[in-house]
N, C-alpha and C. Protein backbone atom coordinates (compact mmCIF):
# COMPACT_ATOMS: atom_id res chain seq x y z
N ILE A 1 -56.01 -71.05 81.79
CA ILE A 1 -57.46 -70.68 82.29
C ILE A 1 -57.72 -69.30 81.64
N ASP A 2 -56.73 -68.37 81.53
CA ASP A 2 -56.96 -67.15 80.99
C ASP A 2 -57.46 -67.27 79.56
N GLY A 3 -56.85 -68.06 78.73
CA GLY A 3 -57.29 -68.36 77.38
C GLY A 3 -58.64 -68.84 77.32
N PHE A 4 -59.08 -69.75 78.18
CA PHE A 4 -60.32 -70.24 78.26
C PHE A 4 -61.31 -69.10 78.55
N ARG A 5 -61.01 -68.32 79.43
CA ARG A 5 -61.84 -67.19 79.87
C ARG A 5 -62.07 -66.19 78.62
N GLY A 6 -60.90 -66.05 77.94
CA GLY A 6 -61.18 -65.18 76.65
C GLY A 6 -62.06 -65.70 75.69
N GLU A 7 -62.06 -67.13 75.60
CA GLU A 7 -62.94 -67.74 74.61
C GLU A 7 -64.51 -67.53 75.15
N ILE A 8 -64.66 -67.75 76.43
CA ILE A 8 -66.03 -67.48 76.89
C ILE A 8 -66.48 -66.05 76.61
N ASP A 9 -65.60 -65.03 77.08
CA ASP A 9 -65.94 -63.69 76.61
C ASP A 9 -66.46 -63.33 75.11
N GLU A 10 -65.60 -63.95 74.30
CA GLU A 10 -65.87 -63.87 72.96
C GLU A 10 -67.22 -64.49 72.55
N PHE A 11 -67.35 -65.70 73.20
CA PHE A 11 -68.75 -66.25 73.00
C PHE A 11 -69.90 -65.48 73.36
N SER A 12 -69.66 -64.76 74.45
CA SER A 12 -70.79 -63.81 75.03
C SER A 12 -71.05 -62.78 74.13
N VAL A 13 -70.00 -62.21 73.50
CA VAL A 13 -70.25 -61.12 72.51
C VAL A 13 -71.14 -61.64 71.36
N GLU A 14 -70.62 -62.89 70.81
CA GLU A 14 -71.38 -63.42 69.78
C GLU A 14 -72.88 -63.64 70.06
N ILE A 15 -73.14 -63.94 71.19
CA ILE A 15 -74.64 -64.16 71.68
C ILE A 15 -75.34 -62.67 71.70
N ASP A 16 -74.69 -61.72 72.13
CA ASP A 16 -75.17 -60.33 72.03
C ASP A 16 -75.52 -59.90 70.56
N GLU A 17 -74.73 -60.38 69.78
CA GLU A 17 -74.84 -59.90 68.33
C GLU A 17 -75.94 -60.76 67.55
N PHE A 18 -76.46 -61.78 68.25
CA PHE A 18 -77.63 -62.57 67.73
C PHE A 18 -78.76 -62.36 68.42
N PRO A 19 -79.47 -61.19 68.19
CA PRO A 19 -80.75 -61.11 68.90
C PRO A 19 -81.90 -62.02 68.48
N VAL A 20 -82.71 -62.55 69.26
CA VAL A 20 -83.74 -63.46 68.77
C VAL A 20 -85.00 -63.28 69.81
N GLU A 21 -86.13 -63.34 69.10
CA GLU A 21 -87.27 -63.25 69.80
C GLU A 21 -87.66 -64.52 70.55
N ILE A 22 -87.77 -64.54 71.88
CA ILE A 22 -88.00 -65.70 72.68
C ILE A 22 -89.13 -66.47 72.03
N ASP A 23 -90.29 -65.94 71.67
CA ASP A 23 -91.51 -66.58 71.20
C ASP A 23 -91.16 -67.31 69.80
N GLU A 24 -90.07 -66.71 69.03
CA GLU A 24 -89.72 -67.43 67.77
C GLU A 24 -88.76 -68.55 68.02
N PHE A 25 -88.44 -68.71 69.40
CA PHE A 25 -87.33 -69.75 69.56
C PHE A 25 -87.73 -70.58 70.79
N PRO A 26 -88.77 -71.48 70.52
CA PRO A 26 -89.25 -72.34 71.55
C PRO A 26 -88.19 -73.34 72.06
N VAL A 27 -88.20 -73.30 73.49
CA VAL A 27 -87.17 -74.31 74.01
C VAL A 27 -87.75 -74.84 75.32
N ASP A 28 -87.43 -75.93 75.41
CA ASP A 28 -87.89 -76.68 76.75
C ASP A 28 -87.08 -76.29 77.89
N ILE A 29 -87.61 -75.30 78.74
CA ILE A 29 -86.92 -74.64 79.88
C ILE A 29 -86.31 -75.75 80.74
N ASP A 30 -86.87 -76.75 81.09
CA ASP A 30 -86.42 -77.97 82.07
C ASP A 30 -85.22 -78.53 81.30
N GLU A 31 -85.35 -78.86 79.99
CA GLU A 31 -84.20 -79.49 79.28
C GLU A 31 -82.98 -78.62 79.33
N LEU A 32 -83.26 -77.25 79.10
CA LEU A 32 -82.11 -76.39 79.02
C LEU A 32 -81.54 -76.31 80.47
N ARG A 33 -82.37 -76.31 81.51
CA ARG A 33 -81.71 -76.25 82.93
C ARG A 33 -80.92 -77.46 83.16
N SER A 34 -81.38 -78.78 82.56
CA SER A 34 -80.60 -79.90 82.78
C SER A 34 -79.34 -79.79 82.05
N GLU A 35 -79.37 -79.15 80.77
CA GLU A 35 -77.94 -78.98 80.17
C GLU A 35 -77.07 -78.15 80.90
N ILE A 36 -77.61 -76.97 81.37
CA ILE A 36 -76.79 -76.16 82.20
C ILE A 36 -76.24 -76.74 83.43
N ASP A 37 -77.06 -77.48 84.01
CA ASP A 37 -76.54 -78.10 85.26
C ASP A 37 -75.52 -79.09 84.97
N GLY A 38 -75.65 -79.85 83.84
CA GLY A 38 -74.59 -80.87 83.35
C GLY A 38 -73.28 -80.07 83.16
N PHE A 39 -73.46 -78.89 82.48
CA PHE A 39 -72.14 -78.07 82.08
C PHE A 39 -71.65 -77.61 83.40
N ARG A 40 -72.38 -77.22 84.36
CA ARG A 40 -71.83 -76.77 85.61
C ARG A 40 -71.04 -77.88 86.22
N GLY A 41 -71.63 -78.98 86.22
CA GLY A 41 -71.05 -80.30 86.73
C GLY A 41 -69.67 -80.49 86.21
N GLU A 42 -69.60 -80.39 84.84
CA GLU A 42 -68.33 -80.51 84.12
C GLU A 42 -67.38 -79.45 84.61
N MET A 43 -67.83 -78.23 84.78
CA MET A 43 -66.80 -77.23 85.13
C MET A 43 -66.37 -77.49 86.47
N ASP A 44 -67.30 -77.86 87.35
CA ASP A 44 -66.91 -78.29 88.73
C ASP A 44 -65.76 -79.31 88.74
N GLY A 45 -65.98 -80.24 87.99
CA GLY A 45 -65.09 -81.52 87.74
C GLY A 45 -63.72 -80.82 87.15
N PHE A 46 -63.72 -79.91 86.29
CA PHE A 46 -62.59 -79.26 85.72
C PHE A 46 -61.84 -78.54 86.92
N ARG A 47 -62.61 -77.75 87.66
CA ARG A 47 -62.14 -77.07 88.82
C ARG A 47 -61.34 -77.96 89.70
N ASP A 48 -61.99 -79.05 90.01
CA ASP A 48 -61.35 -80.11 90.85
C ASP A 48 -60.09 -80.58 90.31
N LEU A 49 -59.87 -80.74 89.13
CA LEU A 49 -58.68 -81.26 88.58
C LEU A 49 -57.62 -80.17 88.50
N ARG A 50 -58.04 -78.86 88.25
CA ARG A 50 -57.12 -77.93 88.39
C ARG A 50 -56.58 -77.74 89.85
N ASN A 51 -57.59 -77.76 90.75
CA ASN A 51 -57.02 -77.57 92.22
C ASN A 51 -56.06 -78.77 92.50
N GLU A 52 -56.20 -79.81 91.86
CA GLU A 52 -55.19 -80.91 92.24
C GLU A 52 -53.93 -80.76 91.38
N GLY A 53 -53.89 -79.81 90.66
CA GLY A 53 -52.71 -79.43 89.93
C GLY A 53 -52.48 -80.14 88.62
N ARG A 54 -53.50 -80.79 88.12
CA ARG A 54 -53.54 -81.46 86.80
C ARG A 54 -53.61 -80.45 85.70
N PHE A 55 -54.10 -79.35 85.89
CA PHE A 55 -54.24 -78.42 84.78
C PHE A 55 -53.64 -76.88 85.27
């Protein structure tokens, strides 16, 4: 998990280094929320497996 957390921190830094004007980057907010909710669901599933001792 620590290694995974490090990758997320590194990804966050990359985002900070990539400034973008929101107006120049149109995105469907509802679609984005759906993607985020799906990712959260996957992370919850991963946590469940970890809690069961599989990871």
